[in-house]
Amino acid sequence: MPGCTVGAVELRTAKAADLDQVAALEDSFTTDTVLEVVATPDGFTLRPTKVDPPLRKVFPPDDDPDGTVFVAADGPRVRGFVTVDVEDWRRRLVIRQVTVAPGHRGRGIGRALVEHACAHGREHGALTAWLETSSVNAPAVHAYRRLGFALCGLDTTFYRGTPADGEVALFFARDL
């Protein structure tokens, strides 16, 4: 997929030289709201719940991202990335990770990376873009909804036995 630019940032397939920067990008978040998953007679609902003090979550480093990696680069500096796979048999683009460096958030880089990834999915026959995030990552949930993703499922046991034990996996999808 050819690269494109958004402002001064170029979107392109990651090069081998980019991968150390990708692994080093800070991808933590802080939020004063989490999404409580409440069982109802007909399923589940998400209830925004304030937390005090705010929750700060730091993800463990991933030195070797799986799938295709696209970066947002400002000259030689990687400012963000998205990692994706296309599952041919389901005709689905799976967005594995979206990360934008903290000093560059809120500038449209995340949106541009996701749209670039979705274009890649369409070029490879995907009909749906799909991703997973945690119920405590309310900032990501809001961002994905603004990008046209809708909640399509959840799993209350997905993180059992992991450092995220107690969180609920939320699955989002969007037509391509």
N, C-alpha and C. Protein backbone atom coordinates (compact mmCIF):
# COMPACT_ATOMS: atom_id res chain seq x y z
N MET A 1 0.86 -1.17 0.00
CA MET A 1 0.00 0.00 0.00
C MET A 1 0.90 1.23 0.00
N PRO A 2 0.71 2.15 -0.91
CA PRO A 2 1.56 3.34 -0.96
C PRO A 2 1.34 4.22 0.27
N GLY A 3 2.36 4.99 0.62
CA GLY A 3 2.26 5.90 1.75
C GLY A 3 1.43 7.13 1.38
N CYS A 4 0.98 7.83 2.40
CA CYS A 4 0.29 9.09 2.20
C CYS A 4 0.68 10.00 3.35
N THR A 5 0.29 11.25 3.30
CA THR A 5 0.65 12.17 4.37
C THR A 5 -0.58 12.80 4.98
N VAL A 6 -0.47 13.12 6.26
CA VAL A 6 -1.48 13.84 7.01
C VAL A 6 -0.72 14.95 7.72
N GLY A 7 -0.91 16.18 7.25
CA GLY A 7 -0.09 17.27 7.79
C GLY A 7 1.37 16.99 7.47
N ALA A 8 2.22 17.03 8.47
CA ALA A 8 3.65 16.77 8.27
C ALA A 8 4.00 15.31 8.51
N VAL A 9 2.99 14.47 8.75
CA VAL A 9 3.23 13.08 9.10
C VAL A 9 2.95 12.18 7.90
N GLU A 10 3.89 11.31 7.60
CA GLU A 10 3.74 10.35 6.51
C GLU A 10 3.23 9.02 7.07
N LEU A 11 2.22 8.45 6.42
CA LEU A 11 1.72 7.13 6.77
C LEU A 11 2.29 6.15 5.76
N ARG A 12 2.93 5.09 6.28
CA ARG A 12 3.56 4.11 5.39
C ARG A 12 3.75 2.80 6.12
N THR A 13 4.07 1.78 5.34
CA THR A 13 4.41 0.49 5.92
C THR A 13 5.72 0.64 6.68
N ALA A 14 5.78 0.04 7.86
CA ALA A 14 6.98 0.14 8.69
C ALA A 14 8.16 -0.51 7.99
N LYS A 15 9.30 0.11 8.16
CA LYS A 15 10.56 -0.44 7.69
C LYS A 15 11.24 -1.11 8.88
N ALA A 16 12.19 -1.99 8.60
CA ALA A 16 12.92 -2.68 9.69
C ALA A 16 13.50 -1.66 10.66
N ALA A 17 14.00 -0.54 10.14
CA ALA A 17 14.61 0.48 10.99
C ALA A 17 13.60 1.17 11.91
N ASP A 18 12.30 1.06 11.62
CA ASP A 18 11.25 1.69 12.44
C ASP A 18 10.88 0.85 13.66
N LEU A 19 11.15 -0.43 13.63
CA LEU A 19 10.58 -1.34 14.63
C LEU A 19 11.08 -1.08 16.05
N ASP A 20 12.31 -0.62 16.23
CA ASP A 20 12.77 -0.28 17.57
C ASP A 20 11.97 0.90 18.12
N GLN A 21 11.67 1.88 17.26
CA GLN A 21 10.87 3.02 17.70
C GLN A 21 9.44 2.60 18.00
N VAL A 22 8.90 1.70 17.19
CA VAL A 22 7.55 1.18 17.43
C VAL A 22 7.49 0.53 18.81
N ALA A 23 8.48 -0.31 19.11
CA ALA A 23 8.49 -1.01 20.40
C ALA A 23 8.67 -0.05 21.57
N ALA A 24 9.34 1.07 21.33
CA ALA A 24 9.63 2.01 22.41
C ALA A 24 8.54 3.05 22.64
N LEU A 25 7.53 3.12 21.75
CA LEU A 25 6.49 4.14 21.92
C LEU A 25 5.71 3.92 23.20
N GLU A 26 5.51 4.99 23.93
CA GLU A 26 4.72 4.99 25.15
C GLU A 26 3.25 4.83 24.79
N ASP A 27 2.60 3.78 25.31
CA ASP A 27 1.19 3.58 24.95
C ASP A 27 0.29 3.48 26.17
N SER A 28 0.72 4.06 27.28
CA SER A 28 -0.14 4.07 28.46
C SER A 28 -1.28 5.08 28.26
N PHE A 29 -2.26 5.01 29.15
CA PHE A 29 -3.32 6.01 29.14
C PHE A 29 -3.75 6.27 30.57
N THR A 30 -4.36 7.42 30.78
CA THR A 30 -4.93 7.79 32.07
C THR A 30 -6.37 8.19 31.82
N THR A 31 -7.25 7.75 32.71
CA THR A 31 -8.67 8.06 32.55
C THR A 31 -9.32 8.23 33.92
N ASP A 32 -10.31 9.11 33.98
CA ASP A 32 -11.09 9.26 35.20
C ASP A 32 -12.44 8.56 35.09
N THR A 33 -12.62 7.86 33.97
CA THR A 33 -13.87 7.12 33.73
C THR A 33 -13.54 5.74 33.17
N VAL A 34 -14.18 4.73 33.73
CA VAL A 34 -14.10 3.38 33.16
C VAL A 34 -15.51 2.97 32.78
N LEU A 35 -15.63 1.91 32.02
CA LEU A 35 -16.94 1.43 31.59
C LEU A 35 -17.28 0.17 32.38
N GLU A 36 -18.27 0.30 33.24
CA GLU A 36 -18.73 -0.85 34.01
C GLU A 36 -19.69 -1.64 33.13
N VAL A 37 -19.47 -2.94 33.05
CA VAL A 37 -20.34 -3.82 32.27
C VAL A 37 -21.42 -4.34 33.21
N VAL A 38 -22.66 -4.02 32.90
CA VAL A 38 -23.79 -4.39 33.75
C VAL A 38 -24.67 -5.38 33.00
N ALA A 39 -24.94 -6.52 33.62
CA ALA A 39 -25.83 -7.52 33.02
C ALA A 39 -27.27 -7.04 33.12
N THR A 40 -28.01 -7.21 32.03
CA THR A 40 -29.43 -6.88 31.99
C THR A 40 -30.17 -8.15 31.58
N PRO A 41 -31.49 -8.16 31.68
CA PRO A 41 -32.23 -9.36 31.25
C PRO A 41 -31.99 -9.72 29.78
N ASP A 42 -31.68 -8.73 28.96
CA ASP A 42 -31.50 -8.97 27.53
C ASP A 42 -30.05 -8.94 27.07
N GLY A 43 -29.11 -8.84 27.99
CA GLY A 43 -27.70 -8.79 27.59
C GLY A 43 -26.87 -7.98 28.55
N PHE A 44 -26.16 -7.01 28.02
CA PHE A 44 -25.28 -6.18 28.83
C PHE A 44 -25.42 -4.73 28.40
N THR A 45 -25.07 -3.85 29.31
CA THR A 45 -24.98 -2.43 28.98
C THR A 45 -23.68 -1.91 29.58
N LEU A 46 -23.16 -0.85 28.98
CA LEU A 46 -21.95 -0.22 29.49
C LEU A 46 -22.35 1.05 30.22
N ARG A 47 -21.87 1.15 31.47
CA ARG A 47 -22.20 2.32 32.28
C ARG A 47 -20.91 3.08 32.61
N PRO A 48 -20.76 4.32 32.12
CA PRO A 48 -19.58 5.10 32.48
C PRO A 48 -19.56 5.31 33.99
N THR A 49 -18.41 5.06 34.61
CA THR A 49 -18.26 5.18 36.04
C THR A 49 -17.00 5.98 36.34
N LYS A 50 -17.13 7.05 37.11
CA LYS A 50 -15.98 7.87 37.49
C LYS A 50 -15.09 7.09 38.47
N VAL A 51 -13.78 7.28 38.32
CA VAL A 51 -12.81 6.70 39.25
C VAL A 51 -11.94 7.82 39.80
N ASP A 52 -11.70 7.75 41.11
CA ASP A 52 -10.87 8.75 41.76
C ASP A 52 -9.99 8.04 42.77
N PRO A 53 -8.71 8.08 42.60
CA PRO A 53 -7.96 8.87 41.64
C PRO A 53 -8.10 8.27 40.24
N PRO A 54 -7.73 9.06 39.21
CA PRO A 54 -7.77 8.53 37.85
C PRO A 54 -6.91 7.27 37.71
N LEU A 55 -7.34 6.40 36.81
CA LEU A 55 -6.64 5.15 36.54
C LEU A 55 -5.58 5.41 35.47
N ARG A 56 -4.37 4.93 35.74
CA ARG A 56 -3.30 4.98 34.73
C ARG A 56 -2.93 3.55 34.42
N LYS A 57 -3.01 3.20 33.15
CA LYS A 57 -2.70 1.84 32.72
C LYS A 57 -1.48 1.88 31.81
N VAL A 58 -0.53 1.02 32.10
CA VAL A 58 0.67 0.87 31.30
C VAL A 58 0.66 -0.54 30.74
N PHE A 59 0.81 -0.65 29.42
CA PHE A 59 0.82 -1.95 28.77
C PHE A 59 2.24 -2.51 28.75
N PRO A 60 2.38 -3.82 28.85
CA PRO A 60 3.72 -4.40 28.74
C PRO A 60 4.27 -4.20 27.33
N PRO A 61 5.59 -4.04 27.21
CA PRO A 61 6.15 -3.83 25.87
C PRO A 61 5.95 -5.04 24.97
N ASP A 62 5.79 -4.77 23.68
CA ASP A 62 5.66 -5.82 22.67
C ASP A 62 6.80 -5.60 21.68
N ASP A 63 7.87 -6.35 21.88
CA ASP A 63 9.08 -6.15 21.07
C ASP A 63 8.95 -6.64 19.64
N ASP A 64 7.95 -7.48 19.38
CA ASP A 64 7.81 -8.04 18.03
C ASP A 64 6.33 -8.07 17.65
N PRO A 65 5.80 -6.93 17.15
CA PRO A 65 4.38 -6.89 16.82
C PRO A 65 4.04 -7.89 15.70
N ASP A 66 2.92 -8.58 15.88
CA ASP A 66 2.44 -9.51 14.87
C ASP A 66 1.68 -8.74 13.80
N GLY A 67 1.76 -9.23 12.56
CA GLY A 67 0.96 -8.66 11.49
C GLY A 67 1.69 -7.58 10.72
N THR A 68 0.92 -6.84 9.94
CA THR A 68 1.43 -5.73 9.15
C THR A 68 1.42 -4.49 10.01
N VAL A 69 2.53 -3.75 9.99
CA VAL A 69 2.66 -2.55 10.80
C VAL A 69 2.74 -1.34 9.88
N PHE A 70 1.85 -0.37 10.11
CA PHE A 70 1.90 0.91 9.43
C PHE A 70 2.32 1.95 10.47
N VAL A 71 3.17 2.88 10.06
CA VAL A 71 3.63 3.92 10.97
C VAL A 71 3.21 5.29 10.48
N ALA A 72 3.11 6.20 11.43
CA ALA A 72 2.97 7.63 11.15
C ALA A 72 4.33 8.21 11.51
N ALA A 73 5.06 8.70 10.50
CA ALA A 73 6.42 9.17 10.73
C ALA A 73 6.55 10.64 10.38
N ASP A 74 7.27 11.34 11.22
CA ASP A 74 7.61 12.74 11.03
C ASP A 74 9.11 12.76 10.76
N GLY A 75 9.46 12.70 9.47
CA GLY A 75 10.87 12.51 9.12
C GLY A 75 11.29 11.13 9.60
N PRO A 76 12.39 11.04 10.33
CA PRO A 76 12.84 9.73 10.80
C PRO A 76 12.16 9.26 12.09
N ARG A 77 11.32 10.11 12.70
CA ARG A 77 10.71 9.78 13.99
C ARG A 77 9.32 9.18 13.83
N VAL A 78 9.11 8.01 14.42
CA VAL A 78 7.80 7.36 14.42
C VAL A 78 6.97 7.99 15.52
N ARG A 79 5.81 8.52 15.15
CA ARG A 79 4.92 9.18 16.11
C ARG A 79 3.72 8.32 16.49
N GLY A 80 3.50 7.25 15.72
CA GLY A 80 2.40 6.34 16.02
C GLY A 80 2.45 5.16 15.08
N PHE A 81 1.67 4.13 15.42
CA PHE A 81 1.60 2.96 14.55
C PHE A 81 0.29 2.22 14.76
N VAL A 82 -0.04 1.40 13.78
CA VAL A 82 -1.17 0.48 13.85
C VAL A 82 -0.67 -0.86 13.33
N THR A 83 -1.08 -1.92 14.01
CA THR A 83 -0.72 -3.28 13.60
C THR A 83 -2.00 -4.01 13.23
N VAL A 84 -2.01 -4.65 12.05
CA VAL A 84 -3.22 -5.30 11.55
C VAL A 84 -2.91 -6.66 10.93
N ASP A 85 -3.93 -7.46 10.82
CA ASP A 85 -3.92 -8.71 10.06
C ASP A 85 -5.19 -8.75 9.24
N VAL A 86 -5.12 -9.35 8.07
CA VAL A 86 -6.33 -9.60 7.29
C VAL A 86 -6.59 -11.09 7.38
N GLU A 87 -7.75 -11.45 7.92
CA GLU A 87 -8.18 -12.85 8.00
C GLU A 87 -9.00 -13.13 6.75
N ASP A 88 -8.38 -13.78 5.79
CA ASP A 88 -9.01 -14.01 4.49
C ASP A 88 -10.33 -14.76 4.60
N TRP A 89 -10.36 -15.81 5.39
CA TRP A 89 -11.55 -16.67 5.43
C TRP A 89 -12.76 -15.96 6.02
N ARG A 90 -12.53 -14.95 6.88
CA ARG A 90 -13.64 -14.18 7.43
C ARG A 90 -13.80 -12.84 6.73
N ARG A 91 -12.86 -12.56 5.80
CA ARG A 91 -12.84 -11.27 5.11
C ARG A 91 -12.90 -10.13 6.12
N ARG A 92 -12.00 -10.25 7.12
CA ARG A 92 -11.98 -9.32 8.24
C ARG A 92 -10.59 -8.74 8.43
N LEU A 93 -10.55 -7.43 8.64
CA LEU A 93 -9.33 -6.75 9.05
C LEU A 93 -9.34 -6.74 10.57
N VAL A 94 -8.33 -7.32 11.19
CA VAL A 94 -8.20 -7.30 12.64
C VAL A 94 -7.18 -6.23 13.01
N ILE A 95 -7.63 -5.24 13.73
CA ILE A 95 -6.73 -4.19 14.21
C ILE A 95 -6.22 -4.64 15.56
N ARG A 96 -4.94 -4.97 15.61
CA ARG A 96 -4.34 -5.54 16.83
C ARG A 96 -3.91 -4.46 17.83
N GLN A 97 -3.37 -3.37 17.33
CA GLN A 97 -2.90 -2.32 18.23
C GLN A 97 -2.85 -1.00 17.49
N VAL A 98 -3.26 0.04 18.19
CA VAL A 98 -3.13 1.42 17.69
C VAL A 98 -2.44 2.19 18.81
N THR A 99 -1.32 2.82 18.49
CA THR A 99 -0.59 3.60 19.49
C THR A 99 -0.13 4.91 18.87
N VAL A 100 -0.36 6.00 19.58
CA VAL A 100 0.15 7.30 19.19
C VAL A 100 0.94 7.83 20.39
N ALA A 101 2.13 8.35 20.12
CA ALA A 101 2.98 8.89 21.17
C ALA A 101 2.22 9.97 21.94
N PRO A 102 2.35 10.00 23.27
CA PRO A 102 1.56 10.94 24.08
C PRO A 102 1.62 12.39 23.61
N GLY A 103 2.75 12.90 23.24
CA GLY A 103 2.86 14.29 22.81
C GLY A 103 2.23 14.58 21.46
N HIS A 104 1.74 13.53 20.79
CA HIS A 104 1.16 13.69 19.45
C HIS A 104 -0.30 13.26 19.39
N ARG A 105 -0.88 12.93 20.53
CA ARG A 105 -2.29 12.55 20.58
C ARG A 105 -3.17 13.77 20.38
N GLY A 106 -4.38 13.52 19.86
CA GLY A 106 -5.32 14.60 19.65
C GLY A 106 -5.06 15.42 18.39
N ARG A 107 -4.19 14.93 17.52
CA ARG A 107 -3.86 15.65 16.29
C ARG A 107 -4.35 14.94 15.04
N GLY A 108 -5.12 13.87 15.21
CA GLY A 108 -5.66 13.14 14.06
C GLY A 108 -4.78 12.00 13.58
N ILE A 109 -3.66 11.74 14.25
CA ILE A 109 -2.76 10.68 13.81
C ILE A 109 -3.42 9.31 13.99
N GLY A 110 -4.06 9.09 15.12
CA GLY A 110 -4.73 7.80 15.36
C GLY A 110 -5.82 7.55 14.32
N ARG A 111 -6.63 8.56 14.06
CA ARG A 111 -7.68 8.45 13.03
C ARG A 111 -7.06 8.12 11.68
N ALA A 112 -6.00 8.82 11.32
CA ALA A 112 -5.35 8.59 10.03
C ALA A 112 -4.78 7.18 9.94
N LEU A 113 -4.19 6.70 11.02
CA LEU A 113 -3.65 5.34 11.02
C LEU A 113 -4.75 4.30 10.85
N VAL A 114 -5.86 4.48 11.57
CA VAL A 114 -6.97 3.53 11.46
C VAL A 114 -7.57 3.57 10.06
N GLU A 115 -7.76 4.75 9.50
CA GLU A 115 -8.30 4.85 8.14
C GLU A 115 -7.34 4.23 7.12
N HIS A 116 -6.04 4.42 7.30
CA HIS A 116 -5.02 3.81 6.43
C HIS A 116 -5.12 2.29 6.53
N ALA A 117 -5.25 1.79 7.76
CA ALA A 117 -5.38 0.35 7.96
C ALA A 117 -6.66 -0.18 7.31
N CYS A 118 -7.76 0.56 7.43
CA CYS A 118 -9.02 0.13 6.81
C CYS A 118 -8.91 0.10 5.29
N ALA A 119 -8.23 1.07 4.71
CA ALA A 119 -8.01 1.05 3.26
C ALA A 119 -7.20 -0.18 2.86
N HIS A 120 -6.21 -0.53 3.66
CA HIS A 120 -5.42 -1.75 3.43
C HIS A 120 -6.34 -2.98 3.46
N GLY A 121 -7.23 -3.02 4.45
CA GLY A 121 -8.16 -4.13 4.55
C GLY A 121 -9.05 -4.24 3.33
N ARG A 122 -9.61 -3.12 2.89
CA ARG A 122 -10.46 -3.13 1.68
C ARG A 122 -9.67 -3.63 0.47
N GLU A 123 -8.43 -3.16 0.33
CA GLU A 123 -7.59 -3.60 -0.80
C GLU A 123 -7.35 -5.11 -0.79
N HIS A 124 -7.43 -5.70 0.39
CA HIS A 124 -7.20 -7.14 0.52
C HIS A 124 -8.49 -7.93 0.71
N GLY A 125 -9.62 -7.33 0.37
CA GLY A 125 -10.89 -8.05 0.35
C GLY A 125 -11.65 -8.10 1.66
N ALA A 126 -11.19 -7.40 2.68
CA ALA A 126 -11.90 -7.41 3.96
C ALA A 126 -13.20 -6.62 3.83
N LEU A 127 -14.24 -7.10 4.48
CA LEU A 127 -15.54 -6.43 4.50
C LEU A 127 -15.81 -5.74 5.82
N THR A 128 -15.07 -6.15 6.86
CA THR A 128 -15.28 -5.66 8.21
C THR A 128 -13.93 -5.35 8.85
N ALA A 129 -13.87 -4.29 9.64
CA ALA A 129 -12.74 -4.02 10.52
C ALA A 129 -13.19 -4.37 11.93
N TRP A 130 -12.34 -5.04 12.68
CA TRP A 130 -12.70 -5.56 14.01
C TRP A 130 -11.54 -5.31 14.96
N LEU A 131 -11.86 -5.01 16.22
CA LEU A 131 -10.82 -4.79 17.23
C LEU A 131 -11.35 -5.10 18.61
N GLU A 132 -10.43 -5.19 19.55
CA GLU A 132 -10.76 -5.47 20.95
C GLU A 132 -10.07 -4.44 21.82
N THR A 133 -10.76 -4.01 22.86
CA THR A 133 -10.16 -3.16 23.87
C THR A 133 -10.79 -3.50 25.22
N SER A 134 -10.27 -2.92 26.26
CA SER A 134 -10.72 -3.22 27.61
C SER A 134 -11.76 -2.22 28.10
N SER A 135 -12.58 -2.68 29.02
CA SER A 135 -13.61 -1.83 29.61
C SER A 135 -13.03 -0.66 30.41
N VAL A 136 -11.75 -0.73 30.80
CA VAL A 136 -11.17 0.40 31.52
C VAL A 136 -10.59 1.43 30.56
N ASN A 137 -10.50 1.11 29.27
CA ASN A 137 -9.92 2.03 28.31
C ASN A 137 -11.01 2.88 27.65
N ALA A 138 -11.70 3.65 28.49
CA ALA A 138 -12.78 4.50 27.98
C ALA A 138 -12.30 5.47 26.91
N PRO A 139 -11.08 6.04 27.00
CA PRO A 139 -10.64 6.93 25.92
C PRO A 139 -10.60 6.21 24.56
N ALA A 140 -10.16 4.97 24.53
CA ALA A 140 -10.12 4.22 23.27
C ALA A 140 -11.53 3.93 22.78
N VAL A 141 -12.43 3.55 23.69
CA VAL A 141 -13.82 3.26 23.30
C VAL A 141 -14.43 4.49 22.64
N HIS A 142 -14.24 5.66 23.24
CA HIS A 142 -14.79 6.89 22.66
C HIS A 142 -14.18 7.16 21.29
N ALA A 143 -12.87 6.96 21.17
CA ALA A 143 -12.21 7.19 19.88
C ALA A 143 -12.73 6.22 18.82
N TYR A 144 -12.85 4.95 19.16
CA TYR A 144 -13.33 3.97 18.17
C TYR A 144 -14.76 4.28 17.75
N ARG A 145 -15.59 4.70 18.68
CA ARG A 145 -16.96 5.07 18.31
C ARG A 145 -16.97 6.27 17.36
N ARG A 146 -16.11 7.26 17.61
CA ARG A 146 -16.02 8.42 16.70
C ARG A 146 -15.55 7.99 15.32
N LEU A 147 -14.81 6.88 15.23
CA LEU A 147 -14.33 6.36 13.96
C LEU A 147 -15.34 5.44 13.28
N GLY A 148 -16.53 5.32 13.85
CA GLY A 148 -17.59 4.54 13.22
C GLY A 148 -17.68 3.10 13.68
N PHE A 149 -16.92 2.70 14.69
CA PHE A 149 -17.00 1.34 15.21
C PHE A 149 -18.16 1.23 16.19
N ALA A 150 -18.80 0.08 16.21
CA ALA A 150 -19.91 -0.17 17.13
C ALA A 150 -19.59 -1.42 17.95
N LEU A 151 -20.02 -1.41 19.19
CA LEU A 151 -19.84 -2.56 20.06
C LEU A 151 -20.55 -3.75 19.44
N CYS A 152 -19.83 -4.86 19.28
CA CYS A 152 -20.45 -6.04 18.68
C CYS A 152 -20.37 -7.26 19.59
N GLY A 153 -19.76 -7.11 20.76
CA GLY A 153 -19.69 -8.23 21.68
C GLY A 153 -18.76 -7.92 22.84
N LEU A 154 -18.76 -8.81 23.81
CA LEU A 154 -17.85 -8.68 24.94
C LEU A 154 -17.59 -10.04 25.53
N ASP A 155 -16.54 -10.12 26.34
CA ASP A 155 -16.17 -11.37 27.00
C ASP A 155 -15.73 -11.03 28.41
N THR A 156 -16.49 -11.51 29.40
CA THR A 156 -16.18 -11.22 30.80
C THR A 156 -15.03 -12.07 31.32
N THR A 157 -14.58 -13.07 30.57
CA THR A 157 -13.50 -13.96 31.02
C THR A 157 -12.23 -13.84 30.18
N PHE A 158 -12.21 -12.98 29.20
CA PHE A 158 -11.12 -12.89 28.23
C PHE A 158 -9.76 -12.66 28.88
N TYR A 159 -9.72 -11.85 29.92
CA TYR A 159 -8.44 -11.50 30.56
C TYR A 159 -8.16 -12.31 31.82
N ARG A 160 -8.96 -13.30 32.11
CA ARG A 160 -8.77 -14.09 33.32
C ARG A 160 -7.36 -14.66 33.37
N GLY A 161 -6.71 -14.52 34.53
CA GLY A 161 -5.36 -15.05 34.71
C GLY A 161 -4.26 -14.20 34.10
N THR A 162 -4.61 -13.00 33.63
CA THR A 162 -3.63 -12.09 33.04
C THR A 162 -3.49 -10.86 33.95
N PRO A 163 -2.53 -9.98 33.68
CA PRO A 163 -2.46 -8.75 34.48
C PRO A 163 -3.73 -7.89 34.38
N ALA A 164 -4.56 -8.11 33.37
CA ALA A 164 -5.81 -7.36 33.21
C ALA A 164 -7.00 -8.09 33.82
N ASP A 165 -6.75 -9.09 34.65
CA ASP A 165 -7.83 -9.85 35.29
C ASP A 165 -8.81 -8.88 35.95
N GLY A 166 -10.11 -9.09 35.72
CA GLY A 166 -11.15 -8.23 36.26
C GLY A 166 -11.69 -7.23 35.26
N GLU A 167 -10.93 -6.97 34.19
CA GLU A 167 -11.42 -6.11 33.12
C GLU A 167 -12.26 -6.94 32.16
N VAL A 168 -13.07 -6.29 31.36
CA VAL A 168 -13.93 -6.97 30.40
C VAL A 168 -13.46 -6.60 29.00
N ALA A 169 -13.32 -7.60 28.15
CA ALA A 169 -12.94 -7.37 26.75
C ALA A 169 -14.16 -6.88 25.98
N LEU A 170 -13.99 -5.77 25.28
CA LEU A 170 -15.05 -5.21 24.45
C LEU A 170 -14.61 -5.33 23.00
N PHE A 171 -15.51 -5.84 22.15
CA PHE A 171 -15.20 -6.05 20.74
C PHE A 171 -16.02 -5.06 19.91
N PHE A 172 -15.35 -4.43 18.98
CA PHE A 172 -15.96 -3.42 18.11
C PHE A 172 -15.75 -3.78 16.66
N ALA A 173 -16.71 -3.42 15.81
CA ALA A 173 -16.61 -3.70 14.38
C ALA A 173 -17.15 -2.51 13.59
N ARG A 174 -16.70 -2.45 12.34
CA ARG A 174 -17.13 -1.41 11.42
C ARG A 174 -17.11 -1.98 10.01
N ASP A 175 -18.13 -1.69 9.25
CA ASP A 175 -18.14 -2.11 7.84
C ASP A 175 -17.07 -1.36 7.08
N LEU A 176 -16.46 -2.07 6.13
CA LEU A 176 -15.50 -1.42 5.25
C LEU A 176 -16.13 -1.18 3.90
